[in-house]
N, C-alpha and C. Protein backbone atom coordinates (compact mmCIF):
# COMPACT_ATOMS: atom_id res chain seq x y z
N UNK A 1 10.29 -0.09 31.13
CA UNK A 1 10.33 -0.65 29.79
C UNK A 1 10.88 0.43 28.84
N UNK A 2 11.92 0.11 28.09
CA UNK A 2 12.50 1.10 27.20
C UNK A 2 12.09 0.83 25.75
N UNK A 3 12.19 1.88 24.95
CA UNK A 3 11.88 1.74 23.54
C UNK A 3 12.88 0.80 22.88
N UNK A 4 12.49 0.29 21.71
CA UNK A 4 13.30 -0.69 21.00
C UNK A 4 13.40 -0.29 19.54
N UNK A 5 14.60 -0.38 18.97
CA UNK A 5 14.82 -0.13 17.55
C UNK A 5 15.18 -1.44 16.88
N UNK A 6 14.46 -1.78 15.84
CA UNK A 6 14.72 -2.99 15.05
C UNK A 6 15.23 -2.54 13.69
N UNK A 7 16.40 -3.08 13.30
CA UNK A 7 17.00 -2.70 12.01
C UNK A 7 17.36 -3.94 11.22
N UNK A 8 17.05 -3.93 9.95
CA UNK A 8 17.50 -4.95 9.01
C UNK A 8 18.42 -4.27 8.01
N UNK A 9 19.59 -4.83 7.84
CA UNK A 9 20.59 -4.28 6.91
C UNK A 9 20.56 -5.13 5.64
N UNK A 10 20.43 -4.44 4.50
CA UNK A 10 20.35 -5.10 3.20
C UNK A 10 21.54 -4.67 2.35
N UNK A 11 22.14 -5.63 1.67
CA UNK A 11 23.19 -5.34 0.71
C UNK A 11 22.57 -5.59 -0.66
N UNK A 12 22.18 -4.50 -1.34
CA UNK A 12 21.46 -4.58 -2.61
C UNK A 12 22.45 -4.56 -3.77
N UNK A 13 22.30 -5.54 -4.66
CA UNK A 13 23.18 -5.67 -5.82
C UNK A 13 23.15 -4.38 -6.64
N UNK A 14 24.33 -3.89 -6.99
CA UNK A 14 24.44 -2.68 -7.80
C UNK A 14 23.58 -2.80 -9.06
N UNK A 15 22.86 -1.72 -9.36
CA UNK A 15 21.97 -1.70 -10.51
C UNK A 15 20.53 -2.05 -10.17
N UNK A 16 20.29 -2.55 -8.95
CA UNK A 16 18.93 -2.92 -8.54
C UNK A 16 18.37 -1.99 -7.45
N UNK A 17 19.03 -0.86 -7.22
CA UNK A 17 18.60 0.06 -6.17
C UNK A 17 17.19 0.60 -6.42
N UNK A 18 16.91 1.01 -7.64
CA UNK A 18 15.58 1.57 -7.94
C UNK A 18 14.49 0.52 -7.71
N UNK A 19 14.72 -0.69 -8.17
CA UNK A 19 13.73 -1.76 -7.96
C UNK A 19 13.49 -1.99 -6.47
N UNK A 20 14.58 -2.05 -5.69
CA UNK A 20 14.47 -2.25 -4.24
C UNK A 20 13.68 -1.10 -3.60
N UNK A 21 14.02 0.13 -3.93
CA UNK A 21 13.32 1.29 -3.36
C UNK A 21 11.86 1.32 -3.77
N UNK A 22 11.57 1.00 -5.03
CA UNK A 22 10.18 0.98 -5.51
C UNK A 22 9.34 -0.05 -4.75
N UNK A 23 9.93 -1.20 -4.45
CA UNK A 23 9.22 -2.23 -3.68
C UNK A 23 8.83 -1.66 -2.32
N UNK A 24 9.77 -1.01 -1.65
CA UNK A 24 9.50 -0.46 -0.32
C UNK A 24 8.51 0.70 -0.38
N UNK A 25 8.57 1.52 -1.43
CA UNK A 25 7.65 2.65 -1.54
C UNK A 25 6.22 2.19 -1.78
N UNK A 26 6.06 1.09 -2.50
CA UNK A 26 4.71 0.66 -2.90
C UNK A 26 4.12 -0.43 -2.02
N UNK A 27 4.90 -1.03 -1.15
CA UNK A 27 4.39 -2.15 -0.36
C UNK A 27 3.52 -1.68 0.79
N UNK A 28 2.61 -2.53 1.19
CA UNK A 28 1.78 -2.29 2.36
C UNK A 28 2.52 -2.90 3.54
N UNK A 29 2.81 -2.09 4.55
CA UNK A 29 3.60 -2.58 5.69
C UNK A 29 2.73 -3.22 6.78
N UNK A 30 1.45 -2.86 6.83
CA UNK A 30 0.55 -3.36 7.87
C UNK A 30 1.00 -2.94 9.27
N UNK A 31 1.80 -1.89 9.40
CA UNK A 31 2.29 -1.45 10.70
C UNK A 31 1.40 -0.41 11.37
N UNK A 32 0.62 0.32 10.60
CA UNK A 32 -0.12 1.47 11.12
C UNK A 32 -0.96 1.16 12.35
N UNK A 33 -1.56 0.00 12.40
CA UNK A 33 -2.46 -0.33 13.52
C UNK A 33 -1.86 -1.35 14.49
N UNK A 34 -0.56 -1.58 14.39
CA UNK A 34 0.08 -2.57 15.28
C UNK A 34 0.40 -1.90 16.61
N UNK A 35 -0.01 -2.55 17.67
CA UNK A 35 0.23 -2.03 19.02
C UNK A 35 1.72 -1.85 19.28
N UNK A 36 2.10 -0.67 19.73
CA UNK A 36 3.48 -0.40 20.10
C UNK A 36 4.36 0.14 18.98
N UNK A 37 3.87 0.13 17.73
CA UNK A 37 4.65 0.66 16.62
C UNK A 37 4.66 2.18 16.68
N UNK A 38 5.85 2.79 16.47
CA UNK A 38 5.97 4.23 16.53
C UNK A 38 6.43 4.88 15.22
N UNK A 39 7.42 4.27 14.54
CA UNK A 39 7.98 4.93 13.36
C UNK A 39 8.73 3.94 12.49
N UNK A 40 8.69 4.18 11.16
CA UNK A 40 9.47 3.40 10.19
C UNK A 40 10.27 4.34 9.31
N UNK A 41 11.50 3.94 8.96
CA UNK A 41 12.32 4.65 7.99
C UNK A 41 13.10 3.63 7.16
N UNK A 42 13.26 3.91 5.88
CA UNK A 42 14.17 3.13 5.04
C UNK A 42 15.36 4.03 4.76
N UNK A 43 16.55 3.56 5.12
CA UNK A 43 17.76 4.36 5.02
C UNK A 43 18.64 3.84 3.89
N UNK A 44 19.21 4.77 3.13
CA UNK A 44 20.14 4.39 2.07
C UNK A 44 21.54 4.78 2.52
N UNK A 45 22.44 3.82 2.45
CA UNK A 45 23.80 4.04 2.90
C UNK A 45 24.78 4.13 1.76
N UNK A 46 26.03 3.75 2.05
CA UNK A 46 27.09 3.90 1.06
C UNK A 46 27.01 2.88 -0.07
N UNK A 47 27.56 3.28 -1.21
CA UNK A 47 27.73 2.35 -2.33
C UNK A 47 29.07 1.66 -2.15
N UNK A 48 29.05 0.34 -2.24
CA UNK A 48 30.26 -0.45 -2.15
C UNK A 48 30.66 -0.87 -3.56
N UNK A 49 31.62 -1.76 -3.66
CA UNK A 49 32.13 -2.19 -4.96
C UNK A 49 31.03 -2.82 -5.84
N UNK A 50 30.19 -3.69 -5.24
CA UNK A 50 29.19 -4.41 -6.02
C UNK A 50 27.78 -4.28 -5.45
N UNK A 51 27.59 -3.35 -4.51
CA UNK A 51 26.28 -3.25 -3.86
C UNK A 51 26.12 -1.89 -3.19
N UNK A 52 24.88 -1.64 -2.74
CA UNK A 52 24.55 -0.45 -1.95
C UNK A 52 23.91 -0.94 -0.65
N UNK A 53 24.28 -0.31 0.45
CA UNK A 53 23.75 -0.68 1.76
C UNK A 53 22.45 0.08 2.03
N UNK A 54 21.44 -0.63 2.50
CA UNK A 54 20.19 -0.05 2.98
C UNK A 54 19.90 -0.61 4.36
N UNK A 55 19.10 0.12 5.14
CA UNK A 55 18.64 -0.40 6.42
C UNK A 55 17.19 0.00 6.62
N UNK A 56 16.36 -0.96 7.04
CA UNK A 56 15.01 -0.62 7.48
C UNK A 56 15.12 -0.39 8.98
N UNK A 57 14.44 0.62 9.47
CA UNK A 57 14.58 1.07 10.85
C UNK A 57 13.17 1.26 11.42
N UNK A 58 12.81 0.49 12.42
CA UNK A 58 11.51 0.69 13.06
C UNK A 58 11.72 0.99 14.54
N UNK A 59 10.91 1.90 15.06
CA UNK A 59 10.93 2.27 16.47
C UNK A 59 9.66 1.75 17.12
N UNK A 60 9.85 1.06 18.25
CA UNK A 60 8.75 0.42 18.99
C UNK A 60 8.72 0.91 20.43
N UNK A 61 7.53 0.85 21.03
CA UNK A 61 7.41 1.22 22.45
C UNK A 61 8.27 0.33 23.33
N UNK A 62 8.44 -0.95 22.93
CA UNK A 62 9.26 -1.88 23.71
C UNK A 62 9.64 -3.07 22.82
N UNK A 63 10.59 -3.86 23.29
CA UNK A 63 10.98 -5.06 22.57
C UNK A 63 9.83 -6.07 22.53
N UNK A 64 9.04 -6.11 23.57
CA UNK A 64 7.87 -7.02 23.61
C UNK A 64 6.90 -6.69 22.48
N UNK A 65 6.65 -5.40 22.25
CA UNK A 65 5.77 -5.00 21.15
C UNK A 65 6.32 -5.48 19.81
N UNK A 66 7.63 -5.31 19.61
CA UNK A 66 8.25 -5.78 18.37
C UNK A 66 8.11 -7.29 18.24
N UNK A 67 8.42 -8.03 19.29
CA UNK A 67 8.33 -9.50 19.24
C UNK A 67 6.91 -9.95 18.95
N UNK A 68 5.93 -9.30 19.56
CA UNK A 68 4.52 -9.64 19.30
C UNK A 68 4.18 -9.44 17.83
N UNK A 69 4.69 -8.35 17.22
CA UNK A 69 4.44 -8.11 15.81
C UNK A 69 5.04 -9.21 14.96
N UNK A 70 6.24 -9.70 15.29
CA UNK A 70 6.88 -10.74 14.47
C UNK A 70 6.12 -12.06 14.50
N UNK A 71 5.21 -12.21 15.45
CA UNK A 71 4.41 -13.43 15.56
C UNK A 71 2.98 -13.22 15.03
N UNK A 72 2.74 -12.07 14.43
CA UNK A 72 1.37 -11.71 14.04
C UNK A 72 1.08 -11.98 12.57
N UNK A 73 -0.19 -11.95 12.24
CA UNK A 73 -0.65 -12.07 10.86
C UNK A 73 -0.17 -10.85 10.04
N UNK A 74 -0.12 -9.68 10.66
CA UNK A 74 0.37 -8.48 9.98
C UNK A 74 1.81 -8.67 9.50
N UNK A 75 2.63 -9.29 10.32
CA UNK A 75 4.02 -9.56 9.95
C UNK A 75 4.07 -10.50 8.75
N UNK A 76 3.29 -11.58 8.80
CA UNK A 76 3.27 -12.54 7.69
C UNK A 76 2.83 -11.86 6.39
N UNK A 77 1.79 -11.03 6.46
CA UNK A 77 1.31 -10.34 5.27
C UNK A 77 2.36 -9.38 4.71
N UNK A 78 3.05 -8.67 5.58
CA UNK A 78 4.05 -7.69 5.15
C UNK A 78 5.24 -8.34 4.46
N UNK A 79 5.50 -9.61 4.77
CA UNK A 79 6.67 -10.29 4.23
C UNK A 79 6.35 -11.32 3.14
N UNK A 80 5.10 -11.35 2.69
CA UNK A 80 4.72 -12.27 1.62
C UNK A 80 5.54 -11.97 0.36
N UNK A 81 6.00 -13.00 -0.29
CA UNK A 81 6.71 -12.84 -1.55
C UNK A 81 8.16 -12.40 -1.43
N UNK A 82 8.67 -12.27 -0.21
CA UNK A 82 10.04 -11.82 -0.03
C UNK A 82 11.05 -12.76 -0.69
N UNK A 83 10.78 -14.03 -0.69
CA UNK A 83 11.70 -15.01 -1.29
C UNK A 83 11.86 -14.84 -2.79
N UNK A 84 10.86 -14.26 -3.43
CA UNK A 84 10.92 -14.07 -4.89
C UNK A 84 11.84 -12.92 -5.29
N UNK A 85 12.36 -12.19 -4.30
CA UNK A 85 13.22 -11.04 -4.60
C UNK A 85 14.68 -11.27 -4.22
N UNK A 86 15.07 -12.52 -4.11
CA UNK A 86 16.45 -12.84 -3.71
C UNK A 86 17.50 -12.27 -4.66
N UNK A 87 17.13 -12.10 -5.93
CA UNK A 87 18.08 -11.57 -6.92
C UNK A 87 18.55 -10.15 -6.59
N UNK A 88 17.84 -9.47 -5.70
CA UNK A 88 18.20 -8.10 -5.34
C UNK A 88 19.35 -8.02 -4.34
N UNK A 89 19.61 -9.14 -3.63
CA UNK A 89 20.52 -9.10 -2.48
C UNK A 89 21.81 -9.87 -2.71
N UNK A 90 22.91 -9.33 -2.16
CA UNK A 90 24.18 -10.03 -2.14
C UNK A 90 24.10 -11.19 -1.15
N UNK A 91 23.40 -10.97 -0.03
CA UNK A 91 23.27 -11.97 1.02
C UNK A 91 21.93 -11.74 1.73
N UNK A 92 21.60 -12.59 2.69
CA UNK A 92 20.38 -12.42 3.47
C UNK A 92 20.45 -11.11 4.26
N UNK A 93 19.29 -10.48 4.53
CA UNK A 93 19.29 -9.30 5.39
C UNK A 93 19.87 -9.65 6.76
N UNK A 94 20.51 -8.68 7.38
CA UNK A 94 21.12 -8.87 8.69
C UNK A 94 20.31 -8.07 9.71
N UNK A 95 19.73 -8.75 10.70
CA UNK A 95 18.91 -8.09 11.72
C UNK A 95 19.76 -7.67 12.92
N UNK A 96 19.45 -6.49 13.45
CA UNK A 96 20.03 -6.02 14.71
C UNK A 96 18.93 -5.33 15.50
N UNK A 97 18.85 -5.62 16.80
CA UNK A 97 17.88 -4.98 17.68
C UNK A 97 18.59 -4.21 18.77
N UNK A 98 18.04 -3.05 19.13
CA UNK A 98 18.68 -2.17 20.11
C UNK A 98 17.68 -1.66 21.14
N UNK A 99 18.06 -1.71 22.41
CA UNK A 99 17.31 -1.04 23.47
C UNK A 99 17.72 0.43 23.45
N UNK A 100 16.76 1.34 23.51
CA UNK A 100 17.08 2.76 23.55
C UNK A 100 17.49 3.12 24.97
N UNK A 101 18.72 3.56 25.11
CA UNK A 101 19.26 3.95 26.42
C UNK A 101 18.94 5.42 26.67
N UNK A 102 19.10 6.25 25.65
CA UNK A 102 18.80 7.66 25.75
C UNK A 102 18.35 8.13 24.39
N UNK A 103 17.34 8.93 24.35
CA UNK A 103 16.85 9.48 23.09
C UNK A 103 16.46 10.93 23.25
N UNK A 104 16.59 11.69 22.20
CA UNK A 104 16.22 13.10 22.19
C UNK A 104 15.46 13.36 20.91
N UNK A 105 14.41 14.15 20.99
CA UNK A 105 13.70 14.53 19.78
C UNK A 105 13.40 16.03 19.86
N UNK A 106 13.22 16.62 18.69
CA UNK A 106 12.91 18.03 18.59
C UNK A 106 11.45 18.13 18.18
N UNK A 107 10.67 18.88 18.94
CA UNK A 107 9.25 19.02 18.60
C UNK A 107 9.09 20.11 17.56
N UNK A 108 8.10 19.94 16.70
CA UNK A 108 7.79 20.93 15.66
C UNK A 108 7.06 22.10 16.30
N UNK A 109 7.34 23.29 15.80
CA UNK A 109 6.66 24.49 16.35
C UNK A 109 5.68 25.03 15.37
C-alpha cells in the first residue's frame, strides 16, 4: 500500500487572496485525529491575469484512508459553508489524487 497525495487546486479571484488565506488559517480541519492522515499544506502559486492559484495538499498513509475520510462526519464538518464562499473562486476547485511512487524526506537533527 503506497502513500497518497490529495490536492485541490483553487483559482482565487484577484483581490480576495487575504480573505481566502484567512479562511484557511482560521478554519477547523478536523484532520488531526483522522486515521491515516499525515500532513496538510496550503500552497500559494502564481498570480495570473485575474486570479491567484492555490493548492491544498494532504498526505495520507493510503488512498483508502483518504477515501474513508471523504465519507466521514469529519469531512462534512470541515466543508460546512463552502458554498457561501463561491465569490472567491473563478471556477470550482479542481481535485487531483496521486499515488506516491518514491518519496524522500530529511529528518531534523
